[in-house]
Amino acid sequence: MQKSLLILLSKEPYSFEKTSLAVVTASKAAEKDVDVTIFLIEDGVLATRPNQKPARGANFGDALTKLIEKGVEVLAEDLSLAARGLSTDKLLSGIRISNISELTDLIMEKSDRVIWV
């Protein structure tokens, strides 16, 4: 049975080092054939914006795109997107809209390990 990892990201991508740690962890796990899902919630959904231009450091949108290309599933919680005025039709390609019900299923039934950043 394939191992699975759920990473919940609730921090704004450019204000905490932990978001970079989440990307590295997801990438390394995917390289080891772990089924990885990143669930963006609260301020974590700010990472879904296309054409990000960070003042310094790596571009988090580019990092998410590379993870998606590696087979990592990236989900964005619908209420968090709405609360921040983010349009669901203007997200980075490959990000799927989700909800708390699916998050509950991921935590309780579908993930071997859960990390909340």
N, C-alpha and C. Protein backbone atom coordinates (compact mmCIF):
# COMPACT_ATOMS: atom_id res chain seq x y z
N MET A 1 0.84 -1.19 0.00
CA MET A 1 0.00 0.00 0.00
C MET A 1 0.88 1.25 0.00
N GLN A 2 0.56 2.20 -0.87
CA GLN A 2 1.35 3.42 -0.98
C GLN A 2 1.11 4.33 0.23
N LYS A 3 2.19 4.91 0.73
CA LYS A 3 2.08 5.85 1.84
C LYS A 3 1.51 7.16 1.34
N SER A 4 0.85 7.89 2.25
CA SER A 4 0.26 9.18 1.86
C SER A 4 0.56 10.23 2.92
N LEU A 5 0.74 11.46 2.44
CA LEU A 5 1.07 12.59 3.30
C LEU A 5 0.18 13.76 2.94
N LEU A 6 -0.45 14.34 3.94
CA LEU A 6 -1.25 15.55 3.77
C LEU A 6 -0.53 16.69 4.46
N ILE A 7 -0.29 17.76 3.71
CA ILE A 7 0.34 18.96 4.27
C ILE A 7 -0.68 20.08 4.21
N LEU A 8 -1.07 20.58 5.39
CA LEU A 8 -1.98 21.71 5.47
C LEU A 8 -1.15 22.98 5.59
N LEU A 9 -1.41 23.91 4.70
CA LEU A 9 -0.66 25.16 4.70
C LEU A 9 -1.63 26.30 4.96
N SER A 10 -1.47 26.96 6.12
CA SER A 10 -2.39 28.02 6.51
C SER A 10 -1.72 29.39 6.64
N LYS A 11 -0.46 29.48 6.30
CA LYS A 11 0.29 30.73 6.43
C LYS A 11 0.49 31.38 5.07
N GLU A 12 0.58 32.70 5.06
CA GLU A 12 0.87 33.45 3.84
C GLU A 12 2.24 33.02 3.34
N PRO A 13 2.38 32.71 2.06
CA PRO A 13 3.59 32.06 1.58
C PRO A 13 4.89 32.84 1.72
N TYR A 14 4.83 34.15 1.85
CA TYR A 14 6.07 34.92 1.89
C TYR A 14 6.36 35.52 3.26
N SER A 15 5.64 35.10 4.27
CA SER A 15 5.89 35.68 5.59
C SER A 15 6.43 34.69 6.61
N PHE A 16 6.50 33.43 6.25
CA PHE A 16 6.97 32.41 7.18
C PHE A 16 7.90 31.44 6.46
N GLU A 17 8.98 31.06 7.10
CA GLU A 17 9.90 30.08 6.53
C GLU A 17 9.26 28.70 6.42
N LYS A 18 8.25 28.46 7.23
CA LYS A 18 7.63 27.14 7.23
C LYS A 18 7.00 26.79 5.89
N THR A 19 6.59 27.79 5.12
CA THR A 19 6.02 27.48 3.81
C THR A 19 7.06 26.86 2.88
N SER A 20 8.29 27.34 2.96
CA SER A 20 9.37 26.73 2.18
C SER A 20 9.64 25.30 2.64
N LEU A 21 9.57 25.08 3.94
CA LEU A 21 9.74 23.74 4.49
C LEU A 21 8.65 22.81 3.96
N ALA A 22 7.44 23.31 3.83
CA ALA A 22 6.34 22.49 3.30
C ALA A 22 6.63 22.07 1.87
N VAL A 23 7.16 22.98 1.06
CA VAL A 23 7.49 22.67 -0.33
C VAL A 23 8.59 21.63 -0.40
N VAL A 24 9.63 21.80 0.37
CA VAL A 24 10.74 20.85 0.38
C VAL A 24 10.27 19.47 0.83
N THR A 25 9.46 19.44 1.90
CA THR A 25 8.94 18.17 2.42
C THR A 25 8.08 17.48 1.37
N ALA A 26 7.20 18.22 0.72
CA ALA A 26 6.34 17.64 -0.31
C ALA A 26 7.16 17.09 -1.48
N SER A 27 8.17 17.84 -1.89
CA SER A 27 9.01 17.41 -3.01
C SER A 27 9.77 16.14 -2.67
N LYS A 28 10.39 16.11 -1.50
CA LYS A 28 11.17 14.92 -1.10
C LYS A 28 10.28 13.70 -0.94
N ALA A 29 9.09 13.90 -0.37
CA ALA A 29 8.16 12.78 -0.19
C ALA A 29 7.70 12.25 -1.55
N ALA A 30 7.39 13.15 -2.47
CA ALA A 30 6.95 12.73 -3.81
C ALA A 30 8.05 11.95 -4.51
N GLU A 31 9.31 12.36 -4.32
CA GLU A 31 10.44 11.64 -4.92
C GLU A 31 10.57 10.22 -4.37
N LYS A 32 10.04 9.99 -3.16
CA LYS A 32 10.08 8.66 -2.54
C LYS A 32 8.78 7.90 -2.78
N ASP A 33 8.04 8.34 -3.79
CA ASP A 33 6.80 7.68 -4.20
C ASP A 33 5.71 7.72 -3.13
N VAL A 34 5.70 8.79 -2.34
CA VAL A 34 4.62 9.01 -1.37
C VAL A 34 3.54 9.82 -2.07
N ASP A 35 2.29 9.46 -1.84
CA ASP A 35 1.16 10.20 -2.40
C ASP A 35 0.97 11.46 -1.56
N VAL A 36 1.31 12.63 -2.12
CA VAL A 36 1.32 13.89 -1.37
C VAL A 36 0.16 14.78 -1.81
N THR A 37 -0.52 15.34 -0.81
CA THR A 37 -1.56 16.35 -1.05
C THR A 37 -1.21 17.57 -0.21
N ILE A 38 -1.27 18.74 -0.84
CA ILE A 38 -1.13 20.01 -0.11
C ILE A 38 -2.51 20.65 -0.10
N PHE A 39 -2.98 20.96 1.10
CA PHE A 39 -4.29 21.59 1.27
C PHE A 39 -4.06 23.01 1.76
N LEU A 40 -4.41 23.99 0.92
CA LEU A 40 -4.25 25.40 1.26
C LEU A 40 -5.52 25.91 1.93
N ILE A 41 -5.35 26.50 3.10
CA ILE A 41 -6.48 26.98 3.89
C ILE A 41 -6.07 28.27 4.58
N GLU A 42 -7.04 29.07 4.98
CA GLU A 42 -6.79 30.37 5.60
C GLU A 42 -5.87 31.18 4.69
N ASP A 43 -4.82 31.83 5.22
CA ASP A 43 -3.93 32.64 4.39
C ASP A 43 -3.09 31.81 3.42
N GLY A 44 -3.07 30.51 3.58
CA GLY A 44 -2.35 29.65 2.65
C GLY A 44 -2.88 29.75 1.23
N VAL A 45 -4.18 30.10 1.08
CA VAL A 45 -4.76 30.21 -0.26
C VAL A 45 -4.16 31.37 -1.06
N LEU A 46 -3.47 32.28 -0.40
CA LEU A 46 -2.83 33.38 -1.11
C LEU A 46 -1.75 32.87 -2.06
N ALA A 47 -1.31 31.65 -1.85
CA ALA A 47 -0.31 31.04 -2.73
C ALA A 47 -0.88 30.64 -4.08
N THR A 48 -2.19 30.71 -4.24
CA THR A 48 -2.83 30.28 -5.49
C THR A 48 -2.79 31.33 -6.58
N ARG A 49 -2.37 32.53 -6.24
CA ARG A 49 -2.38 33.64 -7.21
C ARG A 49 -1.33 33.42 -8.30
N PRO A 50 -1.71 33.60 -9.56
CA PRO A 50 -0.72 33.51 -10.64
C PRO A 50 0.13 34.78 -10.68
N ASN A 51 1.24 34.70 -11.41
CA ASN A 51 2.12 35.86 -11.63
C ASN A 51 2.63 36.50 -10.34
N GLN A 52 3.04 35.67 -9.40
CA GLN A 52 3.57 36.18 -8.14
C GLN A 52 4.95 36.80 -8.37
N LYS A 53 5.19 37.92 -7.70
CA LYS A 53 6.48 38.61 -7.81
C LYS A 53 6.98 38.93 -6.40
N PRO A 54 7.59 37.94 -5.74
CA PRO A 54 8.07 38.17 -4.38
C PRO A 54 9.20 39.20 -4.33
N ALA A 55 9.24 39.97 -3.27
CA ALA A 55 10.30 40.97 -3.09
C ALA A 55 11.66 40.30 -2.92
N ARG A 56 11.65 39.13 -2.28
CA ARG A 56 12.89 38.38 -2.10
C ARG A 56 12.54 36.90 -1.97
N GLY A 57 13.52 36.08 -2.22
CA GLY A 57 13.32 34.64 -2.06
C GLY A 57 12.65 33.99 -3.27
N ALA A 58 12.40 32.72 -3.11
CA ALA A 58 11.84 31.91 -4.19
C ALA A 58 10.37 32.27 -4.45
N ASN A 59 9.95 32.04 -5.67
CA ASN A 59 8.57 32.27 -6.07
C ASN A 59 7.75 31.05 -5.66
N PHE A 60 6.85 31.24 -4.72
CA PHE A 60 6.08 30.12 -4.19
C PHE A 60 5.11 29.55 -5.23
N GLY A 61 4.57 30.41 -6.08
CA GLY A 61 3.69 29.92 -7.15
C GLY A 61 4.42 28.99 -8.10
N ASP A 62 5.66 29.34 -8.45
CA ASP A 62 6.46 28.47 -9.30
C ASP A 62 6.74 27.14 -8.61
N ALA A 63 7.00 27.20 -7.30
CA ALA A 63 7.26 25.97 -6.54
C ALA A 63 6.04 25.07 -6.53
N LEU A 64 4.84 25.65 -6.35
CA LEU A 64 3.62 24.85 -6.37
C LEU A 64 3.41 24.22 -7.76
N THR A 65 3.67 24.99 -8.80
CA THR A 65 3.52 24.47 -10.16
C THR A 65 4.44 23.27 -10.40
N LYS A 66 5.67 23.37 -9.93
CA LYS A 66 6.61 22.25 -10.07
C LYS A 66 6.13 21.02 -9.30
N LEU A 67 5.57 21.24 -8.10
CA LEU A 67 5.04 20.12 -7.33
C LEU A 67 3.87 19.46 -8.04
N ILE A 68 2.99 20.27 -8.61
CA ILE A 68 1.86 19.73 -9.37
C ILE A 68 2.37 18.88 -10.53
N GLU A 69 3.40 19.37 -11.21
CA GLU A 69 3.99 18.61 -12.33
C GLU A 69 4.59 17.29 -11.86
N LYS A 70 5.03 17.22 -10.59
CA LYS A 70 5.57 15.97 -10.02
C LYS A 70 4.47 15.02 -9.56
N GLY A 71 3.20 15.46 -9.65
CA GLY A 71 2.10 14.61 -9.24
C GLY A 71 1.52 14.93 -7.88
N VAL A 72 1.99 15.98 -7.24
CA VAL A 72 1.44 16.40 -5.95
C VAL A 72 0.09 17.06 -6.21
N GLU A 73 -0.92 16.65 -5.48
CA GLU A 73 -2.23 17.28 -5.60
C GLU A 73 -2.26 18.51 -4.71
N VAL A 74 -2.70 19.64 -5.26
CA VAL A 74 -2.80 20.89 -4.49
C VAL A 74 -4.26 21.32 -4.49
N LEU A 75 -4.80 21.45 -3.29
CA LEU A 75 -6.20 21.83 -3.10
C LEU A 75 -6.27 23.18 -2.40
N ALA A 76 -7.28 23.99 -2.74
CA ALA A 76 -7.50 25.27 -2.08
C ALA A 76 -8.92 25.29 -1.52
N GLU A 77 -9.04 25.64 -0.26
CA GLU A 77 -10.33 25.61 0.43
C GLU A 77 -11.21 26.78 -0.03
N ASP A 78 -12.43 26.47 -0.41
CA ASP A 78 -13.33 27.44 -1.04
C ASP A 78 -13.68 28.64 -0.16
N LEU A 79 -13.97 28.43 1.10
CA LEU A 79 -14.35 29.55 1.98
C LEU A 79 -13.18 30.49 2.23
N SER A 80 -11.98 29.95 2.33
CA SER A 80 -10.79 30.78 2.50
C SER A 80 -10.54 31.65 1.27
N LEU A 81 -10.73 31.06 0.10
CA LEU A 81 -10.58 31.84 -1.14
C LEU A 81 -11.60 32.98 -1.17
N ALA A 82 -12.84 32.68 -0.86
CA ALA A 82 -13.90 33.70 -0.89
C ALA A 82 -13.64 34.80 0.14
N ALA A 83 -13.21 34.43 1.32
CA ALA A 83 -12.97 35.40 2.39
C ALA A 83 -11.85 36.37 2.02
N ARG A 84 -10.96 35.95 1.13
CA ARG A 84 -9.83 36.80 0.72
C ARG A 84 -10.05 37.42 -0.65
N GLY A 85 -11.25 37.26 -1.17
CA GLY A 85 -11.60 37.88 -2.45
C GLY A 85 -10.89 37.30 -3.64
N LEU A 86 -10.47 36.04 -3.54
CA LEU A 86 -9.76 35.39 -4.65
C LEU A 86 -10.75 34.65 -5.55
N SER A 87 -10.70 34.96 -6.81
CA SER A 87 -11.60 34.35 -7.78
C SER A 87 -11.14 32.93 -8.09
N THR A 88 -12.08 32.00 -8.07
CA THR A 88 -11.73 30.60 -8.30
C THR A 88 -11.35 30.32 -9.74
N ASP A 89 -11.65 31.25 -10.65
CA ASP A 89 -11.27 31.04 -12.06
C ASP A 89 -9.93 31.68 -12.40
N LYS A 90 -9.24 32.24 -11.40
CA LYS A 90 -7.94 32.89 -11.64
C LYS A 90 -6.87 32.34 -10.70
N LEU A 91 -6.83 31.02 -10.59
CA LEU A 91 -5.84 30.37 -9.74
C LEU A 91 -4.73 29.80 -10.62
N LEU A 92 -3.62 29.46 -10.00
CA LEU A 92 -2.56 28.75 -10.71
C LEU A 92 -3.15 27.50 -11.34
N SER A 93 -2.68 27.17 -12.51
CA SER A 93 -3.14 25.98 -13.21
C SER A 93 -2.85 24.73 -12.39
N GLY A 94 -3.82 23.84 -12.32
CA GLY A 94 -3.63 22.57 -11.63
C GLY A 94 -4.11 22.54 -10.20
N ILE A 95 -4.48 23.69 -9.65
CA ILE A 95 -5.01 23.73 -8.27
C ILE A 95 -6.50 23.46 -8.33
N ARG A 96 -6.95 22.56 -7.46
CA ARG A 96 -8.36 22.19 -7.43
C ARG A 96 -9.03 22.81 -6.21
N ILE A 97 -10.24 23.33 -6.40
CA ILE A 97 -11.02 23.89 -5.30
C ILE A 97 -11.56 22.74 -4.46
N SER A 98 -11.50 22.91 -3.14
CA SER A 98 -11.96 21.87 -2.22
C SER A 98 -12.78 22.53 -1.11
N ASN A 99 -13.07 21.73 -0.07
CA ASN A 99 -13.87 22.24 1.05
C ASN A 99 -13.52 21.49 2.33
N ILE A 100 -14.11 21.93 3.41
CA ILE A 100 -13.81 21.34 4.73
C ILE A 100 -14.23 19.88 4.80
N SER A 101 -15.29 19.52 4.12
CA SER A 101 -15.72 18.13 4.13
C SER A 101 -14.65 17.21 3.54
N GLU A 102 -14.06 17.62 2.42
CA GLU A 102 -12.99 16.82 1.82
C GLU A 102 -11.76 16.81 2.73
N LEU A 103 -11.46 17.95 3.36
CA LEU A 103 -10.33 18.00 4.29
C LEU A 103 -10.53 17.00 5.42
N THR A 104 -11.73 16.92 5.95
CA THR A 104 -12.03 15.96 7.01
C THR A 104 -11.78 14.53 6.55
N ASP A 105 -12.22 14.21 5.33
CA ASP A 105 -11.97 12.88 4.79
C ASP A 105 -10.48 12.61 4.62
N LEU A 106 -9.75 13.61 4.13
CA LEU A 106 -8.31 13.45 3.96
C LEU A 106 -7.62 13.16 5.30
N ILE A 107 -8.01 13.89 6.33
CA ILE A 107 -7.38 13.71 7.64
C ILE A 107 -7.77 12.38 8.27
N MET A 108 -9.05 12.06 8.24
CA MET A 108 -9.55 10.91 8.99
C MET A 108 -9.40 9.57 8.26
N GLU A 109 -9.42 9.59 6.91
CA GLU A 109 -9.50 8.32 6.21
C GLU A 109 -8.44 8.09 5.14
N LYS A 110 -7.86 9.15 4.60
CA LYS A 110 -7.05 8.96 3.40
C LYS A 110 -5.57 9.27 3.57
N SER A 111 -5.15 9.75 4.72
CA SER A 111 -3.75 10.14 4.89
C SER A 111 -3.10 9.38 6.03
N ASP A 112 -1.88 8.87 5.75
CA ASP A 112 -1.12 8.20 6.80
C ASP A 112 -0.52 9.21 7.78
N ARG A 113 -0.09 10.34 7.24
CA ARG A 113 0.56 11.38 8.04
C ARG A 113 -0.03 12.73 7.67
N VAL A 114 -0.15 13.63 8.66
CA VAL A 114 -0.65 14.97 8.44
C VAL A 114 0.31 15.96 9.08
N ILE A 115 0.68 16.98 8.33
CA ILE A 115 1.53 18.06 8.83
C ILE A 115 0.76 19.36 8.64
N TRP A 116 0.68 20.17 9.70
CA TRP A 116 0.01 21.47 9.59
C TRP A 116 1.07 22.55 9.73
N VAL A 117 1.20 23.37 8.69
CA VAL A 117 2.19 24.45 8.68
C VAL A 117 1.46 25.77 8.72
